[in-house]
Amino acid sequence: MRFSVRTTQREELVDVTGEVAAFVARAGVAEGAVLVFCPHTTAAITINENADPDVKHDLIAGLAEIAPNDGRWRHREGNSDGHLKTSLVGPGVLVPIEGGAMQLGTWQGIYLAEFDGPRLRTVNLTVLPGVR
């Protein structure tokens, strides 16, 4: 299954926890895991705190310090910082499912991390049933 996310800024974190949780519920798998994967080279998937919006701001600001947009990049498309940030964050996460629900921590949410927007992004979801 896949769904689209329209981003609105060059760099942002978009909470996709609800979409993933709804997919897991529809899948009807009691035990296993869900793979959340982003098939783009300048966008990523991460898990982090979803209670305080300042965390999203700080993550984007921290990554901008590590890989600034105006770095001495050789790639001519102007988005080398986005490629580096995507490699640092990663293309996907694997979340355990128990009792038919994702086992995220109390404050955790799943985010699409946009590093070269605004764009229309795709998120792929695969449920992996548990082995008995």
Protein backbone atom coordinates (compact mmCIF):
# COMPACT_ATOMS: atom_id res chain seq x y z
CA MET A 1 0.00 0.00 0.00
CA ARG A 2 1.16 3.53 -0.58
CA PHE A 3 -0.08 7.02 0.11
CA SER A 4 0.98 10.50 -0.95
CA VAL A 5 2.09 13.44 1.15
CA ARG A 6 2.17 16.95 -0.27
CA THR A 7 4.87 18.95 1.47
CA THR A 8 4.71 22.74 1.67
CA GLN A 9 8.25 23.80 2.61
CA ARG A 10 11.79 23.08 1.48
CA GLU A 11 12.51 21.31 4.78
CA GLU A 12 9.84 20.00 7.13
CA LEU A 13 8.68 17.01 9.13
CA VAL A 14 5.17 15.79 8.34
CA ASP A 15 3.49 13.51 10.88
CA VAL A 16 2.22 10.37 9.08
CA THR A 17 1.53 8.30 12.20
CA GLY A 18 -2.23 8.34 11.68
CA GLU A 19 -2.04 7.07 8.11
CA VAL A 20 0.31 4.25 9.13
CA ALA A 21 -1.81 3.29 12.17
CA ALA A 22 -4.96 3.16 10.00
CA PHE A 23 -3.20 0.89 7.50
CA VAL A 24 -2.04 -1.44 10.29
CA ALA A 25 -5.60 -1.62 11.66
CA ARG A 26 -7.02 -2.47 8.20
CA ALA A 27 -4.31 -5.09 7.62
CA GLY A 28 -5.64 -7.16 10.52
CA VAL A 29 -2.22 -8.50 11.55
CA ALA A 30 -2.07 -9.22 15.27
CA GLU A 31 1.71 -9.71 15.53
CA GLY A 32 4.50 -8.63 13.22
CA ALA A 33 5.88 -5.34 11.98
CA VAL A 34 5.13 -2.56 9.52
CA LEU A 35 7.79 -1.27 7.18
CA VAL A 36 7.40 2.44 6.39
CA PHE A 37 9.57 3.32 3.38
CA CYS A 38 10.13 6.48 1.35
CA PRO A 39 11.31 5.87 -2.26
CA HIS A 40 12.89 9.30 -2.73
CA THR A 41 16.50 10.46 -2.52
CA THR A 42 15.76 13.81 -0.85
CA ALA A 43 13.09 12.70 1.64
CA ALA A 44 13.27 10.23 4.52
CA ILE A 45 11.29 8.52 7.26
CA THR A 46 12.06 8.89 10.95
CA ILE A 47 10.55 8.30 14.36
CA ASN A 48 10.78 10.99 17.01
CA GLU A 49 8.81 12.90 19.61
CA ASN A 50 5.42 14.15 18.44
CA ALA A 51 4.28 16.01 21.57
CA ASP A 52 6.36 19.21 21.39
CA PRO A 53 6.49 20.96 17.98
CA ASP A 54 9.83 22.50 18.96
CA VAL A 55 11.42 19.06 18.51
CA LYS A 56 10.56 19.10 14.78
CA HIS A 57 12.03 22.59 14.49
CA ASP A 58 15.19 21.57 16.33
CA LEU A 59 15.70 18.45 14.18
CA ILE A 60 15.44 20.47 10.96
CA ALA A 61 17.74 23.17 12.37
CA GLY A 62 20.29 20.61 13.55
CA LEU A 63 20.39 18.87 10.19
CA ALA A 64 20.78 22.26 8.48
CA GLU A 65 23.91 22.84 10.58
CA ILE A 66 25.32 19.45 9.61
CA ALA A 67 24.47 19.84 5.91
CA PRO A 68 23.80 23.48 4.98
CA ASN A 69 21.99 24.30 1.75
CA ASP A 70 24.83 26.61 0.70
CA GLY A 71 27.65 24.11 1.25
CA ARG A 72 30.39 23.59 -1.30
CA TRP A 73 28.46 20.87 -3.10
CA ARG A 74 29.42 19.58 -6.57
CA HIS A 75 25.97 18.24 -7.52
CA ARG A 76 24.49 20.99 -9.70
CA GLU A 77 20.79 20.50 -8.95
CA GLY A 78 21.10 22.55 -5.76
CA ASN A 79 19.82 19.81 -3.46
CA SER A 80 22.98 18.03 -2.31
CA ASP A 81 22.17 18.95 1.28
CA GLY A 82 18.88 17.08 0.86
CA HIS A 83 20.65 13.97 -0.40
CA LEU A 84 23.03 14.05 2.58
CA LYS A 85 20.22 14.60 5.10
CA THR A 86 18.26 11.72 3.59
CA SER A 87 21.27 9.42 3.92
CA LEU A 88 21.72 10.47 7.54
CA VAL A 89 18.06 10.00 8.49
CA GLY A 90 17.36 6.94 6.34
CA PRO A 91 14.70 5.81 3.89
CA GLY A 92 12.52 3.88 6.31
CA VAL A 93 11.65 2.47 9.70
CA LEU A 94 10.37 -0.87 10.94
CA VAL A 95 7.75 -0.67 13.71
CA PRO A 96 6.66 -3.70 15.77
CA ILE A 97 2.99 -4.68 15.82
CA GLU A 98 1.53 -6.38 18.89
CA GLY A 99 -2.14 -6.94 19.58
CA GLY A 100 -2.94 -5.47 16.16
CA ALA A 101 -1.40 -2.08 16.97
CA MET A 102 1.94 -0.38 16.43
CA GLN A 103 4.16 -0.42 19.49
CA LEU A 104 5.44 3.14 19.40
CA GLY A 105 6.64 4.77 22.59
CA THR A 106 4.36 7.18 24.46
CA TRP A 107 5.75 10.30 22.78
CA GLN A 108 6.79 8.80 19.44
CA GLY A 109 5.39 9.62 16.01
CA ILE A 110 6.38 8.63 12.48
CA TYR A 111 7.46 11.45 10.19
CA LEU A 112 8.13 12.00 6.53
CA ALA A 113 11.22 14.22 6.49
CA GLU A 114 11.22 16.56 3.49
CA PHE A 115 14.58 17.99 2.46
CA ASP A 116 13.90 19.33 -1.06
CA GLY A 117 10.32 20.54 -1.16
CA PRO A 118 7.71 21.47 -1.66
CA ARG A 119 6.87 18.24 -3.47
CA LEU A 120 4.40 15.41 -3.70
CA ARG A 121 6.00 12.46 -1.90
CA THR A 122 5.10 8.78 -1.72
CA VAL A 123 5.24 6.61 1.39
CA ASN A 124 5.14 2.83 0.92
CA LEU A 125 3.77 0.55 3.66
CA THR A 126 4.29 -3.19 4.01
CA VAL A 127 3.01 -5.33 6.88
CA LEU A 128 5.26 -8.24 7.79
CA PRO A 129 3.30 -10.86 9.74
CA GLY A 130 5.04 -12.41 12.75
CA VAL A 131 6.58 -15.84 12.44
CA ARG A 132 5.06 -18.41 14.76
